[in-house]
N, C-alpha and C. Protein backbone atom coordinates (compact mmCIF):
# COMPACT_ATOMS: atom_id res chain seq x y z
N MET A 1 111.86 94.71 98.54
CA MET A 1 110.47 94.96 97.99
C MET A 1 109.53 95.07 99.19
N SER A 2 108.45 95.60 98.87
CA SER A 2 107.37 95.61 100.08
C SER A 2 106.83 94.25 100.31
N GLU A 3 106.11 94.11 101.38
CA GLU A 3 105.50 92.80 101.76
C GLU A 3 104.41 92.44 100.78
N ASN A 4 103.74 93.46 100.07
CA ASN A 4 102.72 92.97 99.17
C ASN A 4 103.13 92.69 97.78
N LEU A 5 104.26 93.24 97.29
CA LEU A 5 104.90 93.08 96.11
C LEU A 5 106.11 92.18 96.17
N LYS A 6 106.10 91.10 95.35
CA LYS A 6 107.25 90.23 95.31
C LYS A 6 107.84 90.01 94.00
N THR A 7 109.18 89.87 93.90
CA THR A 7 109.78 89.77 92.57
C THR A 7 109.72 88.22 92.19
N ILE A 8 110.06 87.98 90.94
CA ILE A 8 110.03 86.50 90.52
C ILE A 8 111.02 85.77 91.31
N LYS A 9 112.24 86.25 91.51
CA LYS A 9 113.18 85.51 92.33
C LYS A 9 112.74 85.19 93.69
N GLU A 10 112.05 86.17 94.41
CA GLU A 10 111.55 85.99 95.70
C GLU A 10 110.45 84.92 95.66
N LEU A 11 109.63 84.96 94.79
CA LEU A 11 108.62 83.80 94.58
C LEU A 11 109.19 82.50 94.35
N ALA A 12 110.19 82.53 93.45
CA ALA A 12 110.89 81.21 93.12
C ALA A 12 111.51 80.55 94.42
N ASP A 13 112.17 81.49 95.22
CA ASP A 13 112.80 80.95 96.44
C ASP A 13 111.79 80.49 97.48
N GLU A 14 110.73 81.24 97.65
CA GLU A 14 109.67 80.90 98.62
C GLU A 14 109.00 79.53 98.19
N PHE A 15 108.65 79.39 96.87
CA PHE A 15 107.91 78.21 96.49
C PHE A 15 108.88 77.08 96.14
N ASN A 16 110.25 77.28 96.28
CA ASN A 16 111.25 76.19 96.05
C ASN A 16 111.13 75.69 94.59
N VAL A 17 110.91 76.68 93.64
CA VAL A 17 110.95 76.22 92.27
C VAL A 17 111.84 77.23 91.50
N SER A 18 112.10 76.97 90.21
CA SER A 18 112.94 77.81 89.39
C SER A 18 112.18 79.06 89.06
N LYS A 19 113.10 80.02 88.65
CA LYS A 19 112.43 81.31 88.15
C LYS A 19 111.77 81.08 86.87
N GLN A 20 112.26 80.12 86.12
CA GLN A 20 111.55 79.76 84.84
C GLN A 20 110.17 79.21 85.08
N ALA A 21 109.93 78.40 86.19
CA ALA A 21 108.65 77.81 86.40
C ALA A 21 107.68 79.00 86.82
N VAL A 22 108.20 79.98 87.55
CA VAL A 22 107.29 81.12 87.94
C VAL A 22 106.98 81.93 86.74
N ARG A 23 107.95 82.22 85.87
CA ARG A 23 107.65 82.90 84.61
C ARG A 23 106.71 82.20 83.70
N LYS A 24 106.76 80.88 83.76
CA LYS A 24 105.86 80.16 82.89
C LYS A 24 104.37 80.39 83.33
N ARG A 25 104.15 80.60 84.63
CA ARG A 25 102.73 80.80 85.11
C ARG A 25 102.29 82.28 84.95
N LEU A 26 103.16 83.16 84.51
CA LEU A 26 102.86 84.49 84.18
C LEU A 26 102.31 84.67 82.81
N THR A 27 101.16 84.31 82.54
CA THR A 27 100.57 84.46 81.22
C THR A 27 100.14 85.87 81.00
N GLU A 28 99.73 86.23 79.79
CA GLU A 28 99.34 87.61 79.47
C GLU A 28 98.20 88.06 80.34
N GLU A 29 97.22 87.13 80.56
CA GLU A 29 96.11 87.56 81.38
C GLU A 29 96.54 87.78 82.93
N PHE A 30 97.38 86.93 83.38
CA PHE A 30 97.92 87.15 84.69
C PHE A 30 98.69 88.29 84.81
N ARG A 31 99.50 88.60 83.87
CA ARG A 31 100.34 89.84 83.87
C ARG A 31 99.52 91.13 83.87
N ALA A 32 98.39 91.06 83.04
CA ALA A 32 97.52 92.27 83.03
C ALA A 32 96.88 92.51 84.26
N ASN A 33 96.63 91.49 84.97
CA ASN A 33 95.87 91.57 86.25
C ASN A 33 96.60 91.71 87.54
N HIS A 34 97.79 91.07 87.63
CA HIS A 34 98.48 90.87 88.82
C HIS A 34 99.98 91.07 88.79
N VAL A 35 100.42 91.78 87.73
CA VAL A 35 101.86 91.95 87.62
C VAL A 35 102.11 93.50 87.37
N GLU A 36 102.96 94.15 87.99
CA GLU A 36 103.33 95.45 87.80
C GLU A 36 104.83 95.63 87.54
N THR A 37 105.10 96.78 86.90
CA THR A 37 106.61 97.03 86.68
C THR A 37 107.04 98.23 87.66
N VAL A 38 107.96 97.91 88.40
CA VAL A 38 108.51 98.88 89.43
C VAL A 38 109.97 99.25 89.04
N THR A 39 110.34 100.55 89.02
CA THR A 39 111.70 100.99 88.84
C THR A 39 112.31 101.37 90.13
N SER A 40 113.47 100.73 90.41
CA SER A 40 114.22 101.13 91.56
C SER A 40 115.69 101.21 91.16
N ASN A 41 116.32 102.16 91.52
CA ASN A 41 117.68 102.45 91.19
C ASN A 41 117.89 102.36 89.68
N GLY A 42 116.98 102.84 88.91
CA GLY A 42 117.10 102.80 87.50
C GLY A 42 116.81 101.46 86.77
N VAL A 43 116.55 100.52 87.56
CA VAL A 43 116.28 99.16 87.03
C VAL A 43 114.76 98.88 87.12
N LYS A 44 114.21 98.44 86.01
CA LYS A 44 112.79 98.07 85.94
C LYS A 44 112.67 96.52 86.41
N THR A 45 111.78 96.34 87.32
CA THR A 45 111.65 94.94 87.90
C THR A 45 110.21 94.64 87.85
N LEU A 46 109.85 93.30 87.39
CA LEU A 46 108.49 92.82 87.51
C LEU A 46 108.28 92.39 88.84
N VAL A 47 107.11 92.85 89.42
CA VAL A 47 106.69 92.40 90.73
C VAL A 47 105.30 91.91 90.63
N VAL A 48 104.93 90.96 91.45
CA VAL A 48 103.66 90.40 91.55
C VAL A 48 102.89 90.90 92.73
N THR A 49 101.58 91.28 92.46
CA THR A 49 100.67 91.86 93.52
C THR A 49 100.30 90.81 94.56
N TYR A 50 99.65 91.14 95.59
CA TYR A 50 99.32 90.23 96.67
C TYR A 50 98.32 89.20 96.12
N THR A 51 97.32 89.66 95.40
CA THR A 51 96.34 88.69 94.78
C THR A 51 97.06 87.66 93.84
N GLY A 52 97.96 88.16 93.05
CA GLY A 52 98.76 87.25 92.15
C GLY A 52 99.72 86.35 93.00
N TYR A 53 100.15 86.85 94.06
CA TYR A 53 101.09 85.89 94.97
C TYR A 53 100.07 84.83 95.56
N MET A 54 98.94 85.18 95.95
CA MET A 54 98.01 84.08 96.58
C MET A 54 97.67 83.18 95.46
N LEU A 55 97.43 83.52 94.20
CA LEU A 55 97.05 82.54 93.22
C LEU A 55 98.28 81.68 92.86
N LEU A 56 99.50 82.27 92.84
CA LEU A 56 100.66 81.46 92.52
C LEU A 56 101.02 80.50 93.72
N LYS A 57 100.90 80.98 94.90
CA LYS A 57 101.03 80.18 96.09
C LYS A 57 100.11 78.86 96.05
N GLN A 58 98.85 79.23 95.63
CA GLN A 58 97.79 78.16 95.65
C GLN A 58 98.31 77.05 94.53
N HIS A 59 98.72 77.64 93.42
CA HIS A 59 99.04 76.67 92.27
C HIS A 59 100.36 75.83 92.64
N PHE A 60 101.46 76.52 93.17
CA PHE A 60 102.55 75.86 93.50
C PHE A 60 102.39 75.04 94.67
N THR A 61 101.58 75.38 95.68
CA THR A 61 101.38 74.48 96.78
C THR A 61 100.75 73.18 96.46
N THR A 62 99.67 73.31 95.71
CA THR A 62 98.84 72.07 95.29
C THR A 62 99.59 71.24 94.32
N SER A 63 100.46 71.88 93.44
CA SER A 63 101.24 71.02 92.41
C SER A 63 102.37 70.37 93.13
N ASN A 64 102.93 71.11 94.19
CA ASN A 64 104.12 70.47 94.84
C ASN A 64 103.63 69.47 95.89
N VAL A 65 102.51 69.59 96.45
CA VAL A 65 102.08 68.66 97.43
C VAL A 65 101.71 67.42 96.68
N THR A 66 101.13 67.47 95.53
CA THR A 66 100.87 66.22 94.72
C THR A 66 102.17 65.66 94.14
N GLY A 67 103.11 66.53 94.08
CA GLY A 67 104.51 66.09 93.44
C GLY A 67 105.52 65.72 94.54
N ASN A 68 105.24 64.79 95.41
CA ASN A 68 106.09 64.16 96.39
C ASN A 68 106.39 65.05 97.56
N ASP A 69 105.57 66.12 97.81
CA ASP A 69 105.77 66.98 98.96
C ASP A 69 107.10 67.71 99.02
N LYS A 70 107.57 68.33 97.97
CA LYS A 70 108.79 68.96 97.86
C LYS A 70 108.77 70.20 98.69
N VAL A 71 107.70 70.88 98.84
CA VAL A 71 107.58 72.11 99.57
C VAL A 71 106.72 71.84 100.85
N THR A 72 107.22 72.35 101.97
CA THR A 72 106.50 72.17 103.16
C THR A 72 105.86 73.50 103.42
N ASP A 73 104.58 73.52 103.44
CA ASP A 73 103.78 74.80 103.67
C ASP A 73 103.47 74.92 105.06
N THR A 74 103.95 76.03 105.69
CA THR A 74 103.63 76.10 107.20
C THR A 74 102.29 76.77 107.34
N SER A 75 101.57 77.30 106.35
CA SER A 75 100.42 77.89 106.56
C SER A 75 99.20 76.88 106.48
N ASN A 76 98.12 77.21 107.04
CA ASN A 76 97.03 76.28 107.10
C ASN A 76 96.45 76.28 105.77
N PRO A 77 96.22 75.20 105.04
CA PRO A 77 95.61 75.17 103.63
C PRO A 77 94.19 75.89 103.76
N THR A 78 93.43 75.82 104.73
CA THR A 78 92.07 76.39 104.82
C THR A 78 92.33 77.90 104.80
N THR A 79 93.31 78.39 105.46
CA THR A 79 93.52 79.77 105.41
C THR A 79 93.84 80.39 104.01
N GLY A 80 94.68 79.67 103.25
CA GLY A 80 94.98 79.98 101.93
C GLY A 80 93.71 79.90 101.04
N ASP A 81 92.82 78.83 101.25
CA ASP A 81 91.64 78.68 100.51
C ASP A 81 90.69 79.90 100.82
N LEU A 82 90.64 80.31 102.07
CA LEU A 82 89.82 81.34 102.42
C LEU A 82 90.36 82.73 101.93
N SER A 83 91.58 82.80 101.85
CA SER A 83 92.11 84.17 101.24
C SER A 83 91.72 84.17 99.76
N VAL A 84 91.88 82.96 99.06
CA VAL A 84 91.69 83.00 97.67
C VAL A 84 90.17 83.28 97.40
N VAL A 85 89.26 82.67 98.26
CA VAL A 85 87.85 82.92 98.13
C VAL A 85 87.56 84.31 98.36
N LYS A 86 88.26 84.88 99.30
CA LYS A 86 88.08 86.29 99.63
C LYS A 86 88.43 87.26 98.41
N ILE A 87 89.58 86.90 97.84
CA ILE A 87 89.97 87.65 96.57
C ILE A 87 88.97 87.41 95.56
N LEU A 88 88.47 86.30 95.28
CA LEU A 88 87.49 86.08 94.26
C LEU A 88 86.23 86.79 94.52
N GLU A 89 85.76 86.77 95.80
CA GLU A 89 84.53 87.61 96.18
C GLU A 89 84.75 89.14 95.84
N GLN A 90 85.96 89.55 96.16
CA GLN A 90 86.24 91.04 95.87
C GLN A 90 86.16 91.30 94.32
N GLN A 91 86.76 90.36 93.58
CA GLN A 91 86.72 90.52 92.16
C GLN A 91 85.34 90.47 91.60
N LEU A 92 84.41 89.50 92.19
CA LEU A 92 83.08 89.46 91.75
C LEU A 92 82.29 90.75 92.11
N PHE A 93 82.54 91.26 93.26
CA PHE A 93 81.97 92.51 93.66
C PHE A 93 82.25 93.69 92.57
N VAL A 94 83.50 93.70 92.30
CA VAL A 94 84.03 94.75 91.36
C VAL A 94 83.33 94.52 90.01
N LYS A 95 83.18 93.35 89.55
CA LYS A 95 82.59 93.02 88.25
C LYS A 95 81.06 93.32 88.35
N ASP A 96 80.56 93.04 89.57
CA ASP A 96 79.00 93.40 89.60
C ASP A 96 78.83 94.91 89.46
N LYS A 97 79.66 95.67 90.10
CA LYS A 97 79.63 97.17 89.94
C LYS A 97 79.83 97.58 88.54
N GLN A 98 80.74 96.87 87.86
CA GLN A 98 81.02 97.31 86.47
C GLN A 98 79.79 97.02 85.58
N LEU A 99 79.08 95.87 85.85
CA LEU A 99 77.98 95.49 85.10
C LEU A 99 76.77 96.49 85.34
N GLU A 100 76.67 96.94 86.65
CA GLU A 100 75.65 97.84 86.93
C GLU A 100 75.86 99.22 86.16
N ASN A 101 77.16 99.62 86.14
CA ASN A 101 77.53 100.78 85.50
C ASN A 101 77.22 100.66 84.00
N LYS A 102 77.56 99.53 83.47
CA LYS A 102 77.26 99.35 81.90
C LYS A 102 75.73 99.34 81.68
N ASP A 103 74.99 98.62 82.49
CA ASP A 103 73.58 98.71 82.37
C ASP A 103 72.92 100.15 82.36
N SER A 104 73.52 100.98 83.40
CA SER A 104 72.98 102.37 83.38
C SER A 104 73.44 103.13 82.17
N GLN A 105 74.51 102.89 81.60
CA GLN A 105 75.03 103.44 80.33
C GLN A 105 74.09 103.07 79.18
N ILE A 106 73.81 101.83 79.17
CA ILE A 106 73.03 101.29 78.04
C ILE A 106 71.60 101.91 78.04
N SER A 107 70.97 101.99 79.33
CA SER A 107 69.76 102.58 79.39
C SER A 107 69.71 104.14 78.97
N GLN A 108 70.81 104.86 79.46
CA GLN A 108 71.02 106.29 78.98
C GLN A 108 71.09 106.29 77.49
N MET A 109 71.86 105.45 76.85
CA MET A 109 72.07 105.53 75.37
C MET A 109 70.69 105.20 74.75
N GLN A 110 69.87 104.28 75.33
CA GLN A 110 68.56 103.97 74.69
C GLN A 110 67.70 105.18 74.81
N ASN A 111 67.64 105.87 75.95
CA ASN A 111 66.93 107.10 76.00
C ASN A 111 67.38 108.12 75.04
N LEU A 112 68.61 108.32 74.85
CA LEU A 112 69.08 109.30 73.88
C LEU A 112 68.72 108.88 72.50
N LEU A 113 68.73 107.61 72.23
CA LEU A 113 68.36 107.30 70.87
C LEU A 113 66.93 107.52 70.65
N ASP A 114 66.05 107.17 71.64
CA ASP A 114 64.57 107.42 71.57
C ASP A 114 64.41 108.83 71.33
N GLN A 115 65.10 109.74 72.06
CA GLN A 115 64.90 111.24 71.93
C GLN A 115 65.28 111.69 70.55
N GLN A 116 66.35 111.16 70.09
CA GLN A 116 66.87 111.49 68.73
C GLN A 116 65.86 111.12 67.68
N GLN A 117 65.31 109.97 67.78
CA GLN A 117 64.33 109.55 66.81
C GLN A 117 62.98 110.46 66.80
N ARG A 118 62.59 110.73 68.11
CA ARG A 118 61.47 111.62 68.23
C ARG A 118 61.75 112.97 67.55
N LEU A 119 62.93 113.57 67.82
CA LEU A 119 63.28 114.82 67.21
C LEU A 119 63.38 114.75 65.72
N ALA A 120 63.80 113.68 65.18
CA ALA A 120 63.87 113.55 63.75
C ALA A 120 62.49 113.47 63.18
N LEU A 121 61.57 112.83 63.87
CA LEU A 121 60.24 112.73 63.40
C LEU A 121 59.50 114.10 63.39
N GLN A 122 59.84 114.83 64.41
CA GLN A 122 59.24 116.12 64.48
C GLN A 122 59.86 117.01 63.39
N ASP A 123 61.05 116.94 63.03
CA ASP A 123 61.63 117.67 62.00
C ASP A 123 61.06 117.37 60.64
N LYS A 124 60.83 116.07 60.42
CA LYS A 124 60.24 115.65 59.24
C LYS A 124 58.77 116.17 59.04
N LYS A 125 58.02 116.21 60.18
CA LYS A 125 56.69 116.73 60.10
C LYS A 125 56.72 118.24 59.83
N LEU A 126 57.63 119.00 60.43
CA LEU A 126 57.85 120.40 60.28
C LEU A 126 58.12 120.68 58.82
N LEU A 127 58.96 119.91 58.26
CA LEU A 127 59.46 120.06 56.77
C LEU A 127 58.20 119.79 55.87
N GLU A 128 57.42 118.85 56.23
CA GLU A 128 56.24 118.68 55.32
C GLU A 128 55.20 119.78 55.47
N GLU A 129 55.04 120.31 56.74
CA GLU A 129 54.14 121.52 56.96
C GLU A 129 54.69 122.66 56.14
N TYR A 130 56.00 122.90 56.21
CA TYR A 130 56.63 124.02 55.43
C TYR A 130 56.40 123.89 53.95
N LYS A 131 56.66 122.66 53.53
CA LYS A 131 56.47 122.47 51.97
C LYS A 131 55.00 122.64 51.69
N SER A 132 54.06 122.36 52.47
CA SER A 132 52.59 122.59 52.08
C SER A 132 52.30 124.06 52.15
N GLU A 133 52.85 124.81 53.18
CA GLU A 133 52.66 126.16 53.23
C GLU A 133 53.20 126.98 52.11
N ILE A 134 54.40 126.54 51.54
CA ILE A 134 55.03 127.11 50.43
C ILE A 134 54.18 126.90 49.13
N ASN A 135 53.60 125.71 49.05
CA ASN A 135 52.73 125.37 47.92
C ASN A 135 51.49 126.29 48.00
N GLU A 136 50.95 126.45 49.18
CA GLU A 136 49.74 127.20 49.31
C GLU A 136 50.05 128.64 48.91
N LEU A 137 51.18 129.19 49.36
CA LEU A 137 51.73 130.52 49.09
C LEU A 137 51.84 130.74 47.60
N LYS A 138 52.43 129.72 46.87
CA LYS A 138 52.65 129.77 45.39
C LYS A 138 51.26 129.83 44.74
N ALA A 139 50.27 129.10 45.26
CA ALA A 139 49.01 128.98 44.59
C ALA A 139 48.22 130.51 44.80
N LEU A 140 48.49 131.07 46.01
CA LEU A 140 47.83 132.30 46.27
C LEU A 140 48.41 133.56 45.54
N LYS A 141 49.70 133.34 45.17
CA LYS A 141 50.45 134.39 44.46
C LYS A 141 49.91 134.57 43.04
N MET A 142 49.48 135.80 42.72
CA MET A 142 48.79 136.12 41.45
C MET A 142 49.80 136.62 40.42
N PRO A 143 49.67 136.33 39.18
CA PRO A 143 50.56 136.86 38.22
C PRO A 143 50.30 138.38 38.04
N GLN A 144 51.28 139.15 37.60
CA GLN A 144 51.22 140.68 37.52
C GLN A 144 50.27 141.07 36.52
N GLU A 145 50.00 140.28 35.38
CA GLU A 145 49.06 140.62 34.26
C GLU A 145 47.62 140.67 34.86
N ASP A 146 47.34 139.93 35.93
CA ASP A 146 45.96 139.77 36.48
C ASP A 146 45.59 141.08 37.42
N MET A 147 46.54 141.74 37.72
CA MET A 147 46.34 142.77 38.73
C MET A 147 45.81 143.95 38.03
N LYS A 148 44.65 144.27 37.97
CA LYS A 148 44.06 145.40 37.20
C LYS A 148 44.27 146.71 37.88
N ASP A 149 43.90 146.74 39.16
CA ASP A 149 44.23 148.01 39.98
C ASP A 149 45.60 148.32 40.06
N GLY A 150 46.45 147.34 40.25
CA GLY A 150 47.92 147.60 40.34
C GLY A 150 48.48 147.98 39.01
N SER A 151 47.88 147.62 37.96
CA SER A 151 48.50 147.96 36.69
C SER A 151 48.19 149.42 36.36
N SER A 152 47.01 149.96 36.75
CA SER A 152 46.74 151.34 36.52
C SER A 152 47.60 152.25 37.40
N ILE A 153 47.85 151.78 38.58
CA ILE A 153 48.75 152.54 39.39
C ILE A 153 50.13 152.59 38.90
N ARG A 154 50.62 151.43 38.39
CA ARG A 154 51.95 151.50 37.80
C ARG A 154 51.98 152.26 36.53
N GLY A 155 50.87 152.26 35.77
CA GLY A 155 50.86 153.11 34.56
C GLY A 155 50.90 154.49 34.85
N GLU A 156 50.24 155.02 35.92
CA GLU A 156 50.34 156.41 36.32
C GLU A 156 51.74 156.77 36.74
N ALA A 157 52.32 155.92 37.47
CA ALA A 157 53.65 156.12 37.98
C ALA A 157 54.70 156.22 36.89
N GLN A 158 54.46 155.35 35.85
CA GLN A 158 55.40 155.32 34.72
C GLN A 158 55.22 156.57 33.91
N GLU A 159 53.94 157.11 33.77
CA GLU A 159 53.74 158.30 33.02
C GLU A 159 54.46 159.55 33.79
N GLU A 160 54.34 159.56 35.06
CA GLU A 160 54.92 160.58 35.83
C GLU A 160 56.45 160.56 35.64
N ILE A 161 57.06 159.36 35.67
CA ILE A 161 58.46 159.28 35.35
C ILE A 161 58.92 159.73 34.05
N GLU A 162 58.13 159.49 33.10
CA GLU A 162 58.43 159.94 31.67
C GLU A 162 58.30 161.37 31.59
N ARG A 163 57.35 161.95 32.27
CA ARG A 163 57.15 163.43 32.20
C ARG A 163 58.25 164.21 32.86
N LEU A 164 58.77 163.54 34.12
CA LEU A 164 59.88 164.16 34.75
C LEU A 164 61.18 164.11 34.03
N LYS A 165 61.37 162.94 33.24
CA LYS A 165 62.55 162.78 32.40
C LYS A 165 62.57 163.81 31.30
N ALA A 166 61.37 164.14 30.74
CA ALA A 166 61.32 165.14 29.69
C ALA A 166 61.45 166.45 30.19
N GLN A 167 61.14 166.81 31.36
CA GLN A 167 61.39 168.09 31.96
C GLN A 167 62.90 168.24 32.23
N LEU A 168 63.57 167.28 32.67
CA LEU A 168 64.98 167.22 33.04
C LEU A 168 65.70 167.36 31.65
N LYS A 169 65.33 166.71 30.68
CA LYS A 169 65.97 166.92 29.33
C LYS A 169 65.89 168.36 28.88
N LEU A 170 64.64 168.95 28.92
CA LEU A 170 64.40 170.25 28.47
C LEU A 170 65.29 171.27 29.28
N SER A 171 65.33 171.04 30.63
CA SER A 171 66.18 172.03 31.41
C SER A 171 67.64 171.89 31.01
N GLU A 172 68.10 170.74 30.74
CA GLU A 172 69.55 170.56 30.35
C GLU A 172 69.82 171.25 28.98
N GLU A 173 68.77 171.10 28.08
CA GLU A 173 68.95 171.74 26.89
C GLU A 173 69.02 173.32 27.01
N GLU A 174 68.24 173.80 27.75
CA GLU A 174 68.17 175.36 28.04
C GLU A 174 69.43 175.69 28.69
N ARG A 175 70.05 174.95 29.61
CA ARG A 175 71.30 175.43 30.24
C ARG A 175 72.38 175.34 29.17
N ASN A 176 72.36 174.37 28.30
CA ASN A 176 73.45 174.28 27.37
C ASN A 176 73.33 175.42 26.34
N LYS A 177 72.09 175.80 25.92
CA LYS A 177 71.91 177.03 25.12
C LYS A 177 72.36 178.28 25.67
N ALA A 178 72.15 178.41 27.11
CA ALA A 178 72.74 179.69 27.81
C ALA A 178 74.10 179.71 27.88
N LYS A 179 74.83 178.59 27.92
CA LYS A 179 76.22 178.50 27.93
C LYS A 179 76.87 178.89 26.68
N GLU A 180 76.18 178.44 25.59
CA GLU A 180 76.74 178.87 24.22
C GLU A 180 76.54 180.28 23.98
N LYS A 181 75.55 181.00 24.52
CA LYS A 181 75.40 182.39 24.28
C LYS A 181 76.47 183.24 25.03
N GLU A 182 76.87 182.85 26.13
CA GLU A 182 77.88 183.62 26.84
C GLU A 182 79.15 183.79 26.16
N PRO A 183 79.83 184.94 26.11
CA PRO A 183 81.01 185.01 25.46
C PRO A 183 82.12 184.41 26.27
N VAL A 184 83.03 183.82 25.64
CA VAL A 184 84.14 183.20 26.30
C VAL A 184 85.31 184.13 26.34
N LYS A 185 85.81 184.56 27.58
CA LYS A 185 86.90 185.42 27.70
C LYS A 185 88.14 184.65 27.62
N THR A 186 88.94 184.98 26.73
CA THR A 186 90.18 184.31 26.72
C THR A 186 91.25 185.34 26.70
N GLU A 187 92.10 185.28 27.70
CA GLU A 187 93.19 186.24 27.69
C GLU A 187 94.46 185.41 27.57
N SER A 188 95.31 185.88 26.68
CA SER A 188 96.52 185.19 26.43
C SER A 188 97.60 185.81 27.33
N LYS A 189 98.17 185.00 28.10
CA LYS A 189 99.28 185.48 28.96
C LYS A 189 100.50 184.67 28.61
N LYS A 190 101.52 185.23 28.69
CA LYS A 190 102.75 184.60 28.43
C LYS A 190 103.18 183.88 29.64
N TRP A 191 104.04 182.87 29.39
CA TRP A 191 104.25 182.04 30.52
C TRP A 191 105.22 182.82 31.50
N TYR A 192 106.02 183.87 31.15
CA TYR A 192 106.89 184.52 31.94
C TYR A 192 106.07 185.61 32.79
N GLN A 193 104.85 185.82 32.47
CA GLN A 193 104.10 186.99 33.10
C GLN A 193 103.14 186.40 34.24
N PHE A 194 103.26 185.24 34.46
CA PHE A 194 102.35 184.66 35.54
C PHE A 194 102.51 185.22 36.89
N TRP A 195 103.68 185.72 37.28
CA TRP A 195 103.92 186.21 38.63
C TRP A 195 103.53 187.60 38.78
N LYS A 196 103.28 188.33 37.83
CA LYS A 196 102.87 189.76 37.90
C LYS A 196 101.41 189.92 38.24
């Protein structure tokens, strides 16, 4: 494996503990943040990242030192503490950036909500204005019986239509009479004489 990624067996050997003890420290939260699955030669292997390695090292080093000094740590404990502090500072920095991002998203959402409420209020006012205009137009609209000038014009138009209908009827009657007066020529031909 690479220097930054270590398997459970490598960690157990390095800390001089069993693989079961290492697995016991791999909680769901720890796995989500510090464990990856790597496939090599068709085999999936759990590996711990460098930050997870440092946290496990700190745990096993402090627990083993208090437990009769089973593990001899060649590294300086202050160096380990500094690296853990550095990791924690990096995590805090990332969390601060995430919080700033969330704050900006919240302010954008608030602005959009305010804008939506203003638009809804404008729509409501427009609807009320339209309703009042419609009511005014209904009040202004006059019934057809009250229109004296319009009724005389309509009456004249109606009389003209009736007169034209009468003329059309008379012309049709005259045409029908003319057709009746014409003699109808009927020649009887036999069916076998059609080609002559």
